[in-house]
Amino acid sequence: MTTLSQTARGGVADRLRALAGDLDWILVGAVTAISAFGVYTIRAATRSDIPGDPGYYFTRSLIFLLLGVAVMIAVAALGAERLARYPWVLWGGLLGALAVVFVVGSSAKGSTRWIEFGAFRLQPSELGKVLVVMILAGLLTERAKEVGSWRLTLLALGVVALPALVVFTQPDLGTALVYGAALFAVLFLAGVPWTHLVAFVATIVAAAVMVLAVLPAAGMEVLKPYQVDRLTTFVDSDAASTDAGYQQNQSEIAVGQGGALGKGPGGATQTNNNFLPEHHTDFIFAVVAEMFGFVGAGGLILAYGLVLWRGLGLVARASSRLDQLLAGGIVATLAFQVFVNIGMTVGIMPITGIPLPFMSYGGSHTLANLIAVGLLLGIHRRRASTP
């Protein structure tokens, strides 16, 4: 009995050593550094947010991170990318989870996005960012011979459009846009003709015109008032009377006050005095800029660049078509979220509610991003073991 137990432990140890040897440690190091910095920034920014409990957000962020790391290792070790070979099962599961939100989901700030599990809230739309990439990669790999046909392109568009529409009605415009970015990236990497991609972009533009102009003129308001405010604020930066205008102005003030080296956690007045809304979620980059200045914000952007560089390397060297599409879709969604979040913080993009990967507070958000990294690590392992 003891011998069997020792053998089992030895087998697990051997597998763990093999996993460690096959990991992309540069990617792991960059993600770890960003995540640790995110937890530290959340701790510094939220000390006065919950009276009597200065560590409320910090403790939960740390738990989310540790749980996410465990799942990331499991995904990398077990080869979760094999699930992408069953795209319709994943698609049905995603739609089912999104539907459950409308039945038993909880609401916050006018949005219904979460399913309660005791003290933990699961946001299926966040996990959907990874699932959409897996679904598309599996579908286009399964039907590789049809790539280039309008039938397959329209099928892929419909597969993404339905969950994106459901997410949009929660309402969550930002996550729906991430789904669209994943679709464009995977179609591009799969070799879809440029005419299809142009038609895809034209469809998005036409839909935006319908939602923003045509339907409201006909008395059909599609967007919530706060979403309209966010877009008008982006067009008219002086519209400070709206909540979105206030958020944008306070964010730009925080970024500008940071200077070269920042004001430090104790001197960050915009953050500590709660002038900057959502400073632990959507606008955490503004907190970084105020506390740590251009050097801290620039260093964070360089760390993101390192993550994306390692991901793009996997796209170029993937051992299979499925892995290439998976890696490309993941890199595209991460890059899109980073660009849009930082862009809205400094005023070059409209406020869409997209969190900053590995930095913003949130359990489902953290879990989804680390699952994505686990998939990249799994792709690297297979590439390393391929002669």
Protein backbone atom coordinates (compact mmCIF):
# COMPACT_ATOMS: atom_id res chain seq x y z
CA MET A 1 0.00 0.00 0.00
CA THR A 2 2.80 2.35 0.93
CA THR A 3 4.61 1.46 -2.28
CA LEU A 4 1.51 2.28 -4.38
CA SER A 5 1.11 5.60 -2.56
CA GLN A 6 4.75 6.49 -3.07
CA THR A 7 4.52 5.51 -6.74
CA ALA A 8 1.46 7.72 -7.22
CA ARG A 9 3.18 10.65 -5.54
CA GLY A 10 6.25 10.08 -7.67
CA GLY A 11 4.13 10.04 -10.83
CA VAL A 12 2.49 13.34 -9.91
CA ALA A 13 5.88 14.85 -9.12
CA ASP A 14 7.24 13.68 -12.47
CA ARG A 15 4.30 15.23 -14.32
CA LEU A 16 4.73 18.50 -12.46
CA ARG A 17 8.44 18.59 -13.27
CA ALA A 18 7.66 17.89 -16.92
CA LEU A 19 5.07 20.67 -16.92
CA ALA A 20 7.51 23.13 -15.34
CA GLY A 21 10.13 22.29 -17.94
CA ASP A 22 7.73 22.92 -20.83
CA LEU A 23 6.29 26.23 -19.63
CA ASP A 24 6.95 29.56 -21.29
CA TRP A 25 8.48 31.19 -18.24
CA ILE A 26 8.73 34.60 -19.88
CA LEU A 27 4.96 34.61 -20.40
CA VAL A 28 4.39 33.27 -16.90
CA GLY A 29 6.68 35.92 -15.42
CA ALA A 30 5.01 38.79 -17.29
CA VAL A 31 1.49 37.68 -16.33
CA THR A 32 2.56 37.09 -12.73
CA ALA A 33 4.16 40.54 -12.50
CA ILE A 34 1.08 42.30 -13.92
CA SER A 35 -1.30 40.33 -11.69
CA ALA A 36 0.74 40.96 -8.54
CA PHE A 37 0.98 44.64 -9.42
CA GLY A 38 -2.78 44.67 -9.94
CA VAL A 39 -3.45 43.21 -6.49
CA TYR A 40 -1.06 45.73 -4.92
CA THR A 41 -2.69 48.64 -6.77
CA ILE A 42 -6.16 47.51 -5.73
CA ARG A 43 -4.99 47.35 -2.11
CA ALA A 44 -3.55 50.86 -2.30
CA ALA A 45 -6.60 52.29 -4.07
CA THR A 46 -9.37 50.79 -1.91
CA ARG A 47 -8.14 51.18 1.66
CA SER A 48 -10.91 53.66 2.46
CA ASP A 49 -13.64 52.26 0.21
CA ILE A 50 -15.22 49.94 2.80
CA PRO A 51 -15.41 51.58 6.25
CA GLY A 52 -13.90 49.32 8.90
CA ASP A 53 -12.50 46.86 6.37
CA PRO A 54 -9.54 48.37 4.48
CA GLY A 55 -8.52 44.98 3.10
CA TYR A 56 -11.91 44.02 1.64
CA TYR A 57 -11.00 44.28 -2.05
CA PHE A 58 -7.39 43.26 -1.50
CA THR A 59 -8.31 39.98 0.21
CA ARG A 60 -10.80 39.05 -2.47
CA SER A 61 -8.43 40.02 -5.27
CA LEU A 62 -5.75 37.79 -3.77
CA ILE A 63 -8.19 34.87 -3.49
CA PHE A 64 -9.32 35.39 -7.10
CA LEU A 65 -5.70 35.44 -8.25
CA LEU A 66 -4.70 32.27 -6.39
CA LEU A 67 -7.78 30.44 -7.66
CA GLY A 68 -7.09 31.67 -11.18
CA VAL A 69 -3.46 30.51 -11.06
CA ALA A 70 -4.58 27.04 -9.96
CA VAL A 71 -7.05 26.86 -12.86
CA MET A 72 -4.42 28.20 -15.26
CA ILE A 73 -1.99 25.42 -14.29
CA ALA A 74 -4.75 22.82 -14.64
CA VAL A 75 -5.70 24.11 -18.10
CA ALA A 76 -2.06 24.06 -19.23
CA ALA A 77 -1.46 20.56 -17.84
CA LEU A 78 -4.67 18.85 -18.95
CA GLY A 79 -4.85 20.18 -22.50
CA ALA A 80 -8.19 21.96 -22.20
CA GLU A 81 -7.84 23.06 -25.83
CA ARG A 82 -9.22 19.64 -26.75
CA LEU A 83 -12.62 20.99 -25.76
CA ALA A 84 -12.44 23.24 -28.82
CA ARG A 85 -13.00 20.11 -30.91
CA TYR A 86 -16.59 20.21 -29.70
CA PRO A 87 -17.61 23.75 -30.72
CA TRP A 88 -21.35 23.14 -30.70
CA VAL A 89 -21.26 21.72 -27.17
CA LEU A 90 -19.35 24.80 -25.99
CA TRP A 91 -21.74 27.09 -27.87
CA GLY A 92 -24.77 25.47 -26.29
CA GLY A 93 -23.17 25.69 -22.86
CA LEU A 94 -22.39 29.38 -23.31
CA LEU A 95 -25.92 30.21 -24.45
CA GLY A 96 -27.34 28.18 -21.58
CA ALA A 97 -25.23 30.00 -19.01
CA LEU A 98 -26.16 33.39 -20.47
CA ALA A 99 -29.85 32.42 -20.42
CA VAL A 100 -29.63 31.37 -16.77
CA VAL A 101 -28.46 34.90 -15.93
CA PHE A 102 -31.82 36.31 -17.00
CA VAL A 103 -33.68 33.74 -14.89
CA VAL A 104 -31.76 33.68 -11.60
CA GLY A 105 -29.06 36.30 -12.15
CA SER A 106 -28.33 39.19 -9.83
CA SER A 107 -28.22 42.83 -10.86
CA ALA A 108 -25.89 45.69 -10.07
CA LYS A 109 -25.82 49.26 -11.41
CA GLY A 110 -28.56 48.53 -13.92
CA SER A 111 -26.97 45.40 -15.40
CA THR A 112 -27.93 41.74 -14.95
CA ARG A 113 -24.76 39.75 -15.58
CA TRP A 114 -24.04 37.55 -12.57
CA ILE A 115 -25.05 34.21 -11.08
CA GLU A 116 -24.72 34.01 -7.30
CA PHE A 117 -22.86 31.10 -5.69
CA GLY A 118 -22.83 32.06 -2.04
CA ALA A 119 -20.17 34.73 -1.59
CA PHE A 120 -18.94 34.29 -5.17
CA ARG A 121 -20.57 35.77 -8.25
CA LEU A 122 -19.95 34.18 -11.63
CA GLN A 123 -20.22 36.32 -14.76
CA PRO A 124 -20.72 33.93 -17.71
CA SER A 125 -20.14 36.68 -20.27
CA GLU A 126 -16.55 37.07 -19.02
CA LEU A 127 -15.85 33.36 -19.45
CA GLY A 128 -17.54 33.70 -22.82
CA LYS A 129 -14.55 35.73 -24.05
CA VAL A 130 -12.48 32.54 -23.91
CA LEU A 131 -15.28 30.24 -25.03
CA VAL A 132 -16.02 32.29 -28.14
CA VAL A 133 -12.38 31.93 -29.23
CA MET A 134 -12.47 28.18 -28.59
CA ILE A 135 -15.77 27.80 -30.45
CA LEU A 136 -14.53 29.72 -33.49
CA ALA A 137 -11.17 27.92 -33.56
CA GLY A 138 -12.88 24.54 -33.36
CA LEU A 139 -15.51 25.39 -35.96
CA LEU A 140 -13.05 26.77 -38.53
CA THR A 141 -10.65 23.89 -37.98
CA GLU A 142 -13.44 21.35 -38.33
CA ARG A 143 -14.56 22.98 -41.59
CA ALA A 144 -11.16 23.98 -42.94
CA LYS A 145 -12.10 22.93 -46.47
CA GLU A 146 -14.98 25.42 -46.47
CA VAL A 147 -12.85 28.45 -45.50
CA GLY A 148 -13.41 31.08 -48.17
CA SER A 149 -17.08 30.28 -48.66
CA TRP A 150 -19.72 32.77 -47.66
CA ARG A 151 -21.61 29.94 -46.01
CA LEU A 152 -18.89 29.34 -43.41
CA THR A 153 -18.24 33.05 -42.85
CA LEU A 154 -21.94 33.71 -42.25
CA LEU A 155 -22.14 30.66 -39.99
CA ALA A 156 -19.23 31.98 -37.88
CA LEU A 157 -20.87 35.40 -37.77
CA GLY A 158 -24.14 33.90 -36.55
CA VAL A 159 -22.39 31.74 -33.95
CA VAL A 160 -20.85 34.85 -32.39
CA ALA A 161 -23.74 37.25 -33.04
CA LEU A 162 -26.26 35.34 -30.92
CA PRO A 163 -24.30 35.29 -27.63
CA ALA A 164 -23.05 38.81 -28.35
CA LEU A 165 -26.64 40.01 -28.73
CA VAL A 166 -27.62 38.33 -25.45
CA VAL A 167 -24.68 39.97 -23.68
CA PHE A 168 -25.54 43.33 -25.26
CA THR A 169 -29.03 43.17 -23.76
CA GLN A 170 -27.73 42.55 -20.20
CA PRO A 171 -26.58 45.33 -21.01
CA ASP A 172 -22.83 44.90 -21.57
CA LEU A 173 -21.66 46.63 -24.73
CA GLY A 174 -17.96 46.23 -23.94
CA THR A 175 -18.00 42.43 -23.70
CA ALA A 176 -20.10 42.18 -26.88
CA LEU A 177 -17.39 44.20 -28.66
CA VAL A 178 -14.72 41.80 -27.38
CA TYR A 179 -16.66 38.92 -28.94
CA GLY A 180 -16.60 40.83 -32.24
CA ALA A 181 -12.84 41.37 -31.98
CA ALA A 182 -12.34 37.63 -31.45
CA LEU A 183 -14.44 36.86 -34.52
CA PHE A 184 -12.50 39.25 -36.75
CA ALA A 185 -9.12 37.91 -35.57
CA VAL A 186 -9.97 34.23 -35.98
CA LEU A 187 -11.52 34.78 -39.42
CA PHE A 188 -8.43 36.70 -40.50
CA LEU A 189 -6.04 34.00 -39.31
CA ALA A 190 -8.16 31.28 -40.87
CA GLY A 191 -7.58 32.87 -44.28
CA VAL A 192 -11.06 34.24 -44.96
CA PRO A 193 -11.05 36.47 -48.10
CA TRP A 194 -10.62 40.18 -47.46
CA THR A 195 -14.00 40.85 -49.09
CA HIS A 196 -15.64 38.90 -46.26
CA LEU A 197 -13.75 40.91 -43.66
CA VAL A 198 -14.74 44.19 -45.33
CA ALA A 199 -18.34 43.03 -45.33
CA PHE A 200 -18.02 42.15 -41.63
CA VAL A 201 -16.73 45.65 -40.79
CA ALA A 202 -19.43 47.22 -42.95
CA THR A 203 -22.06 45.22 -41.07
CA ILE A 204 -20.73 46.50 -37.75
CA VAL A 205 -20.78 50.10 -39.01
CA ALA A 206 -24.31 49.70 -40.36
CA ALA A 207 -25.48 48.22 -37.06
CA ALA A 208 -23.90 51.13 -35.17
CA VAL A 209 -25.67 53.65 -37.40
CA MET A 210 -28.98 51.86 -36.85
CA VAL A 211 -28.55 51.76 -33.07
CA LEU A 212 -27.21 55.31 -32.67
CA ALA A 213 -29.22 57.21 -35.25
CA VAL A 214 -31.91 55.48 -37.29
CA LEU A 215 -33.78 53.61 -34.55
CA PRO A 216 -33.70 56.50 -32.01
CA ALA A 217 -35.05 58.81 -34.72
CA ALA A 218 -37.92 56.38 -35.15
CA GLY A 219 -38.62 56.42 -31.42
CA MET A 220 -36.89 53.11 -30.62
CA GLU A 221 -34.16 53.60 -28.03
CA VAL A 222 -31.77 50.63 -28.05
CA LEU A 223 -29.00 51.91 -25.80
CA LYS A 224 -29.43 52.79 -22.16
CA PRO A 225 -29.19 56.52 -21.32
CA TYR A 226 -25.81 56.07 -19.63
CA GLN A 227 -24.46 54.32 -22.74
CA VAL A 228 -25.58 57.22 -24.89
CA ASP A 229 -23.88 59.60 -22.43
CA ARG A 230 -20.63 57.68 -22.78
CA LEU A 231 -20.65 58.03 -26.55
CA THR A 232 -21.66 61.70 -26.58
CA THR A 233 -18.99 62.44 -23.99
CA PHE A 234 -16.38 60.90 -26.26
CA VAL A 235 -17.54 63.13 -29.13
CA ASP A 236 -17.94 66.21 -26.89
CA SER A 237 -15.22 66.16 -24.25
CA ASP A 238 -16.72 69.23 -22.56
CA ALA A 239 -19.91 67.36 -21.63
CA ALA A 240 -18.83 67.16 -18.00
CA SER A 241 -22.38 67.46 -16.68
CA THR A 242 -23.04 63.78 -17.37
CA ASP A 243 -21.76 60.93 -15.21
CA ALA A 244 -19.67 59.68 -18.12
CA GLY A 245 -18.25 63.17 -18.63
CA TYR A 246 -17.34 63.36 -14.96
CA GLN A 247 -15.64 59.95 -15.10
CA GLN A 248 -13.66 60.90 -18.19
CA ASN A 249 -12.53 64.24 -16.77
CA GLN A 250 -11.50 62.79 -13.42
CA SER A 251 -9.58 60.02 -15.16
CA GLU A 252 -7.65 62.49 -17.31
CA ILE A 253 -6.92 64.63 -14.23
CA ALA A 254 -5.55 61.59 -12.37
CA VAL A 255 -3.35 60.60 -15.32
CA GLY A 256 -2.05 64.16 -15.69
CA GLN A 257 -1.32 64.60 -11.98
CA GLY A 258 0.95 61.57 -11.91
CA GLY A 259 3.75 63.30 -13.78
CA ALA A 260 6.93 61.36 -14.39
CA LEU A 261 7.26 59.37 -11.15
CA GLY A 262 3.77 59.60 -9.65
CA LYS A 263 2.44 60.89 -6.35
CA GLY A 264 2.67 57.59 -4.51
CA PRO A 265 -0.20 55.67 -2.86
CA GLY A 266 -0.48 58.25 -0.09
CA GLY A 267 -0.50 61.33 -2.32
CA ALA A 268 -2.93 60.16 -5.00
CA THR A 269 -5.71 62.63 -4.22
CA GLN A 270 -8.04 61.70 -7.09
CA THR A 271 -8.02 58.08 -5.97
CA ASN A 272 -7.89 58.45 -2.20
CA ASN A 273 -10.61 61.11 -2.09
CA ASN A 274 -12.87 59.03 -4.36
CA PHE A 275 -12.98 61.68 -7.07
CA LEU A 276 -12.11 58.94 -9.58
CA PRO A 277 -15.07 56.54 -9.97
CA GLU A 278 -14.53 52.81 -10.49
CA HIS A 279 -10.88 53.21 -9.53
CA HIS A 280 -10.48 49.50 -8.76
CA THR A 281 -12.21 48.25 -11.93
CA ASP A 282 -12.58 50.16 -15.22
CA PHE A 283 -10.26 53.05 -14.35
CA ILE A 284 -7.45 51.26 -12.56
CA PHE A 285 -4.95 52.40 -15.20
CA ALA A 286 -5.65 55.99 -14.14
CA VAL A 287 -4.78 54.93 -10.57
CA VAL A 288 -1.49 53.49 -11.79
CA ALA A 289 -0.68 56.69 -13.68
CA GLU A 290 -1.49 58.89 -10.67
CA MET A 291 0.35 56.79 -8.10
CA PHE A 292 3.33 55.67 -10.16
CA GLY A 293 3.49 58.23 -12.94
CA PHE A 294 4.67 57.85 -16.50
CA VAL A 295 7.33 55.37 -15.43
CA GLY A 296 4.83 53.04 -13.73
CA ALA A 297 2.21 53.32 -16.48
CA GLY A 298 4.83 52.89 -19.19
CA GLY A 299 6.29 49.86 -17.44
CA LEU A 300 2.83 48.30 -17.25
CA ILE A 301 2.28 48.85 -20.98
CA LEU A 302 5.67 47.26 -21.71
CA ALA A 303 4.66 44.24 -19.61
CA TYR A 304 1.49 43.90 -21.69
CA GLY A 305 3.63 44.17 -24.79
CA LEU A 306 5.72 41.27 -23.54
CA VAL A 307 2.61 39.11 -23.00
CA LEU A 308 1.30 39.91 -26.49
CA TRP A 309 4.72 39.31 -28.05
CA ARG A 310 4.92 35.83 -26.54
CA GLY A 311 1.39 35.15 -27.72
CA LEU A 312 2.13 36.28 -31.27
CA GLY A 313 5.16 34.00 -31.26
CA LEU A 314 2.84 31.09 -30.56
CA VAL A 315 0.61 32.12 -33.46
CA ALA A 316 3.62 31.96 -35.78
CA ARG A 317 4.99 28.67 -34.39
CA ALA A 318 1.86 26.73 -33.39
CA SER A 319 2.05 23.00 -34.03
CA SER A 320 -1.48 22.77 -35.45
CA ARG A 321 -4.13 24.89 -37.13
CA LEU A 322 -6.35 24.65 -34.05
CA ASP A 323 -3.57 25.93 -31.80
CA GLN A 324 -2.79 28.77 -34.21
CA LEU A 325 -6.40 29.97 -34.26
CA LEU A 326 -6.70 29.61 -30.49
CA ALA A 327 -3.53 31.60 -29.84
CA GLY A 328 -4.48 34.28 -32.35
CA GLY A 329 -7.96 34.71 -30.93
CA ILE A 330 -6.67 34.93 -27.36
CA VAL A 331 -3.98 37.46 -28.25
CA ALA A 332 -6.50 39.56 -30.18
CA THR A 333 -9.02 39.67 -27.32
CA LEU A 334 -6.32 40.57 -24.77
CA ALA A 335 -4.87 43.26 -27.04
CA PHE A 336 -8.33 44.69 -27.76
CA GLN A 337 -9.19 44.92 -24.07
CA VAL A 338 -5.87 46.53 -23.14
CA PHE A 339 -6.08 49.09 -25.96
CA VAL A 340 -9.72 50.04 -25.34
CA ASN A 341 -9.37 50.23 -21.54
CA ILE A 342 -6.23 52.37 -21.59
CA GLY A 343 -7.67 54.38 -24.47
CA MET A 344 -10.84 55.25 -22.56
CA THR A 345 -8.73 56.16 -19.52
CA VAL A 346 -6.76 58.78 -21.44
CA GLY A 347 -9.68 59.97 -23.57
CA ILE A 348 -8.94 58.48 -27.01
CA MET A 349 -11.67 55.81 -26.80
CA PRO A 350 -15.27 55.96 -25.52
CA ILE A 351 -16.07 54.48 -22.13
CA THR A 352 -17.32 50.94 -22.74
CA GLY A 353 -16.87 49.21 -19.38
CA ILE A 354 -14.10 46.89 -20.58
CA PRO A 355 -11.81 45.98 -17.64
CA LEU A 356 -8.02 45.93 -17.84
CA PRO A 357 -6.73 42.32 -18.07
CA PHE A 358 -4.92 41.02 -14.96
CA MET A 359 -5.32 44.40 -13.24
CA SER A 360 -9.00 45.24 -12.72
CA TYR A 361 -10.86 43.81 -9.74
CA GLY A 362 -13.22 40.92 -10.47
CA GLY A 363 -13.41 37.19 -9.93
CA SER A 364 -14.82 36.06 -13.29
CA HIS A 365 -12.62 38.56 -15.11
CA THR A 366 -9.47 37.25 -13.40
CA LEU A 367 -10.48 33.62 -13.92
CA ALA A 368 -11.20 34.13 -17.64
CA ASN A 369 -7.88 35.85 -18.31
CA LEU A 370 -5.84 33.20 -16.52
CA ILE A 371 -7.71 30.41 -18.32
CA ALA A 372 -6.70 32.15 -21.55
CA VAL A 373 -3.08 32.20 -20.41
CA GLY A 374 -3.37 28.51 -19.48
CA LEU A 375 -4.45 27.77 -23.06
CA LEU A 376 -1.42 29.69 -24.37
CA LEU A 377 0.87 27.73 -22.07
CA GLY A 378 -0.66 24.49 -23.29
CA ILE A 379 -0.03 25.55 -26.89
CA HIS A 380 3.60 26.33 -25.98
CA ARG A 381 4.00 22.89 -24.38
CA ARG A 382 2.82 21.13 -27.51
CA ARG A 383 5.06 23.29 -29.67
CA ALA A 384 8.05 22.51 -27.46
CA SER A 385 7.40 18.77 -27.66
CA THR A 386 6.96 18.75 -31.46
CA PRO A 387 10.13 17.70 -33.30
